Amino acid sequence: MMLLGCMRMDETIKQYKLEQEALQLESLVRAASHDCRQDETIRYPIGRVTCIRTDKGFKMEAVLDNGQRIEAVVSDG
């Protein structure tokens, strides 16, 4: 019974960490959508965002310091 409780707690902690990382990645993209003006890489305290200008906005890759990453497309306007 104790082992089952520990396994559930471990899963809860993993889920919490994943949710926190997702929020951090979203924050990076949101910040970069205001800061990017050209093809560039912007460094933030929790990670970096590489912005590539397209005809409709930016393609972005956000990477946390722990290696988690996400790609996003942000339209102008």
N, C-alpha and C. Protein backbone atom coordinates (compact mmCIF):
# COMPACT_ATOMS: atom_id res chain seq x y z
N MET A 1 0.82 -1.19 0.00
CA MET A 1 0.00 0.00 0.00
C MET A 1 0.87 1.25 0.00
N MET A 2 1.94 1.23 0.76
CA MET A 2 2.83 2.38 0.83
C MET A 2 3.50 2.62 -0.52
N LEU A 3 3.89 1.54 -1.21
CA LEU A 3 4.53 1.65 -2.52
C LEU A 3 3.58 2.29 -3.52
N LEU A 4 2.34 1.91 -3.51
CA LEU A 4 1.33 2.47 -4.40
C LEU A 4 1.16 3.97 -4.15
N GLY A 5 1.16 4.36 -2.89
CA GLY A 5 1.06 5.78 -2.53
C GLY A 5 2.26 6.56 -3.03
N CYS A 6 3.44 6.00 -2.93
CA CYS A 6 4.66 6.65 -3.42
C CYS A 6 4.64 6.78 -4.94
N MET A 7 4.14 5.76 -5.62
CA MET A 7 4.06 5.80 -7.08
C MET A 7 3.10 6.89 -7.54
N ARG A 8 1.98 7.03 -6.85
CA ARG A 8 1.01 8.08 -7.19
C ARG A 8 1.61 9.46 -6.94
N MET A 9 2.33 9.60 -5.85
CA MET A 9 2.97 10.88 -5.54
C MET A 9 4.01 11.21 -6.59
N ASP A 10 4.77 10.21 -7.03
CA ASP A 10 5.78 10.41 -8.06
C ASP A 10 5.13 10.88 -9.36
N GLU A 11 4.02 10.26 -9.75
CA GLU A 11 3.31 10.66 -10.97
C GLU A 11 2.77 12.09 -10.83
N THR A 12 2.27 12.43 -9.67
CA THR A 12 1.76 13.78 -9.43
C THR A 12 2.87 14.81 -9.57
N ILE A 13 4.03 14.50 -9.03
CA ILE A 13 5.17 15.41 -9.12
C ILE A 13 5.63 15.55 -10.57
N LYS A 14 5.68 14.45 -11.30
CA LYS A 14 6.07 14.51 -12.71
C LYS A 14 5.09 15.36 -13.51
N GLN A 15 3.81 15.18 -13.26
CA GLN A 15 2.79 15.96 -13.96
C GLN A 15 2.93 17.44 -13.64
N TYR A 16 3.17 17.76 -12.39
CA TYR A 16 3.35 19.15 -11.97
C TYR A 16 4.55 19.77 -12.68
N LYS A 17 5.67 19.05 -12.75
CA LYS A 17 6.87 19.56 -13.42
C LYS A 17 6.60 19.79 -14.90
N LEU A 18 5.91 18.88 -15.56
CA LEU A 18 5.57 19.05 -16.97
C LEU A 18 4.70 20.29 -17.19
N GLU A 19 3.75 20.49 -16.31
CA GLU A 19 2.89 21.67 -16.42
C GLU A 19 3.68 22.95 -16.23
N GLN A 20 4.61 22.95 -15.28
CA GLN A 20 5.45 24.13 -15.06
C GLN A 20 6.34 24.41 -16.26
N GLU A 21 6.92 23.37 -16.86
CA GLU A 21 7.75 23.55 -18.05
C GLU A 21 6.93 24.09 -19.20
N ALA A 22 5.71 23.60 -19.37
CA ALA A 22 4.84 24.09 -20.44
C ALA A 22 4.54 25.57 -20.24
N LEU A 23 4.28 25.98 -19.02
CA LEU A 23 4.03 27.39 -18.73
C LEU A 23 5.27 28.25 -19.00
N GLN A 24 6.44 27.73 -18.66
CA GLN A 24 7.67 28.46 -18.92
C GLN A 24 7.93 28.61 -20.42
N LEU A 25 7.69 27.54 -21.19
CA LEU A 25 7.87 27.62 -22.64
C LEU A 25 6.88 28.62 -23.24
N GLU A 26 5.66 28.59 -22.77
CA GLU A 26 4.66 29.54 -23.25
C GLU A 26 5.08 30.98 -22.92
N SER A 27 5.64 31.18 -21.75
CA SER A 27 6.12 32.51 -21.35
C SER A 27 7.26 32.99 -22.24
N LEU A 28 8.17 32.07 -22.59
CA LEU A 28 9.27 32.43 -23.48
C LEU A 28 8.74 32.89 -24.84
N VAL A 29 7.81 32.13 -25.41
CA VAL A 29 7.25 32.49 -26.71
C VAL A 29 6.51 33.82 -26.63
N ARG A 30 5.75 34.01 -25.56
CA ARG A 30 5.01 35.26 -25.39
C ARG A 30 5.96 36.45 -25.29
N ALA A 31 7.03 36.32 -24.53
CA ALA A 31 8.01 37.41 -24.40
C ALA A 31 8.70 37.68 -25.73
N ALA A 32 9.09 36.61 -26.41
CA ALA A 32 9.79 36.78 -27.68
C ALA A 32 8.89 37.38 -28.75
N SER A 33 7.60 37.12 -28.68
CA SER A 33 6.70 37.68 -29.69
C SER A 33 6.69 39.20 -29.62
N HIS A 34 7.05 39.76 -28.48
CA HIS A 34 7.17 41.21 -28.34
C HIS A 34 8.59 41.70 -28.60
N ASP A 35 9.58 40.87 -28.34
CA ASP A 35 10.98 41.29 -28.42
C ASP A 35 11.63 41.05 -29.77
N CYS A 36 11.18 40.06 -30.52
CA CYS A 36 11.83 39.73 -31.80
C CYS A 36 11.51 40.79 -32.85
N ARG A 37 12.54 41.24 -33.53
CA ARG A 37 12.37 42.21 -34.60
C ARG A 37 13.00 41.74 -35.90
N GLN A 38 13.85 40.74 -35.81
CA GLN A 38 14.57 40.22 -36.98
C GLN A 38 14.97 38.78 -36.68
N ASP A 39 15.71 38.15 -37.60
CA ASP A 39 16.25 36.82 -37.32
C ASP A 39 17.27 36.96 -36.20
N GLU A 40 16.99 36.38 -35.05
CA GLU A 40 17.88 36.52 -33.91
C GLU A 40 17.58 35.47 -32.85
N THR A 41 18.50 35.33 -31.93
CA THR A 41 18.30 34.49 -30.75
C THR A 41 18.33 35.41 -29.54
N ILE A 42 17.28 35.32 -28.74
CA ILE A 42 17.16 36.16 -27.55
C ILE A 42 17.31 35.28 -26.33
N ARG A 43 18.16 35.71 -25.41
CA ARG A 43 18.41 34.96 -24.17
C ARG A 43 17.57 35.55 -23.05
N TYR A 44 16.91 34.68 -22.31
CA TYR A 44 16.11 35.06 -21.15
C TYR A 44 16.65 34.29 -19.94
N PRO A 45 16.26 34.69 -18.73
CA PRO A 45 16.77 34.00 -17.53
C PRO A 45 16.46 32.50 -17.48
N ILE A 46 15.38 32.05 -18.12
CA ILE A 46 15.01 30.63 -18.05
C ILE A 46 15.32 29.85 -19.32
N GLY A 47 15.80 30.53 -20.35
CA GLY A 47 16.08 29.83 -21.61
C GLY A 47 16.34 30.81 -22.74
N ARG A 48 16.12 30.34 -23.97
CA ARG A 48 16.37 31.19 -25.14
C ARG A 48 15.32 30.92 -26.20
N VAL A 49 15.14 31.90 -27.07
CA VAL A 49 14.21 31.77 -28.18
C VAL A 49 14.93 32.19 -29.45
N THR A 50 14.89 31.33 -30.47
CA THR A 50 15.43 31.66 -31.78
C THR A 50 14.25 32.06 -32.67
N CYS A 51 14.34 33.26 -33.24
CA CYS A 51 13.28 33.80 -34.08
C CYS A 51 13.75 33.84 -35.53
N ILE A 52 12.92 33.37 -36.42
CA ILE A 52 13.21 33.43 -37.85
C ILE A 52 12.04 34.15 -38.51
N ARG A 53 12.31 35.25 -39.17
CA ARG A 53 11.29 36.07 -39.81
C ARG A 53 10.71 35.31 -41.01
N THR A 54 9.39 35.29 -41.13
CA THR A 54 8.70 34.74 -42.29
C THR A 54 7.87 35.86 -42.90
N ASP A 55 7.22 35.59 -44.01
CA ASP A 55 6.40 36.63 -44.64
C ASP A 55 5.15 36.97 -43.84
N LYS A 56 4.77 36.12 -42.89
CA LYS A 56 3.57 36.36 -42.09
C LYS A 56 3.84 36.63 -40.62
N GLY A 57 5.10 36.59 -40.20
CA GLY A 57 5.44 36.80 -38.79
C GLY A 57 6.76 36.16 -38.45
N PHE A 58 6.76 35.32 -37.43
CA PHE A 58 7.98 34.65 -36.99
C PHE A 58 7.74 33.17 -36.74
N LYS A 59 8.74 32.38 -37.05
CA LYS A 59 8.80 31.00 -36.60
C LYS A 59 9.77 31.02 -35.42
N MET A 60 9.37 30.44 -34.31
CA MET A 60 10.17 30.49 -33.09
C MET A 60 10.45 29.10 -32.55
N GLU A 61 11.62 28.96 -31.97
CA GLU A 61 11.94 27.76 -31.22
C GLU A 61 12.38 28.22 -29.83
N ALA A 62 11.60 27.84 -28.82
CA ALA A 62 11.91 28.17 -27.44
C ALA A 62 12.54 26.96 -26.77
N VAL A 63 13.64 27.19 -26.05
CA VAL A 63 14.36 26.11 -25.38
C VAL A 63 14.64 26.53 -23.94
N LEU A 64 14.14 25.74 -23.00
CA LEU A 64 14.45 25.99 -21.59
C LEU A 64 15.88 25.57 -21.29
N ASP A 65 16.43 26.07 -20.21
CA ASP A 65 17.79 25.70 -19.81
C ASP A 65 17.95 24.19 -19.58
N ASN A 66 16.85 23.50 -19.25
CA ASN A 66 16.94 22.05 -19.02
C ASN A 66 16.80 21.24 -20.32
N GLY A 67 16.65 21.92 -21.47
CA GLY A 67 16.60 21.23 -22.75
C GLY A 67 15.21 21.04 -23.34
N GLN A 68 14.18 21.24 -22.55
CA GLN A 68 12.81 21.12 -23.08
C GLN A 68 12.61 22.19 -24.13
N ARG A 69 11.90 21.85 -25.21
CA ARG A 69 11.73 22.81 -26.30
C ARG A 69 10.35 22.74 -26.92
N ILE A 70 10.02 23.83 -27.61
CA ILE A 70 8.76 23.90 -28.35
C ILE A 70 8.99 24.80 -29.55
N GLU A 71 8.27 24.52 -30.62
CA GLU A 71 8.28 25.39 -31.79
C GLU A 71 6.93 26.07 -31.90
N ALA A 72 6.95 27.32 -32.37
CA ALA A 72 5.70 28.08 -32.50
C ALA A 72 5.80 28.98 -33.72
N VAL A 73 4.65 29.31 -34.27
CA VAL A 73 4.55 30.29 -35.34
C VAL A 73 3.70 31.43 -34.80
N VAL A 74 4.25 32.64 -34.88
CA VAL A 74 3.56 33.81 -34.36
C VAL A 74 3.31 34.77 -35.52
N SER A 75 2.04 35.07 -35.76
CA SER A 75 1.67 35.95 -36.87
C SER A 75 1.80 37.41 -36.47
N ASP A 76 2.13 38.25 -37.46
CA ASP A 76 2.09 39.71 -37.22
C ASP A 76 0.65 40.14 -37.11
N GLY A 77 0.45 41.16 -36.28
CA GLY A 77 -0.88 41.76 -36.22
C GLY A 77 -1.66 41.24 -35.13
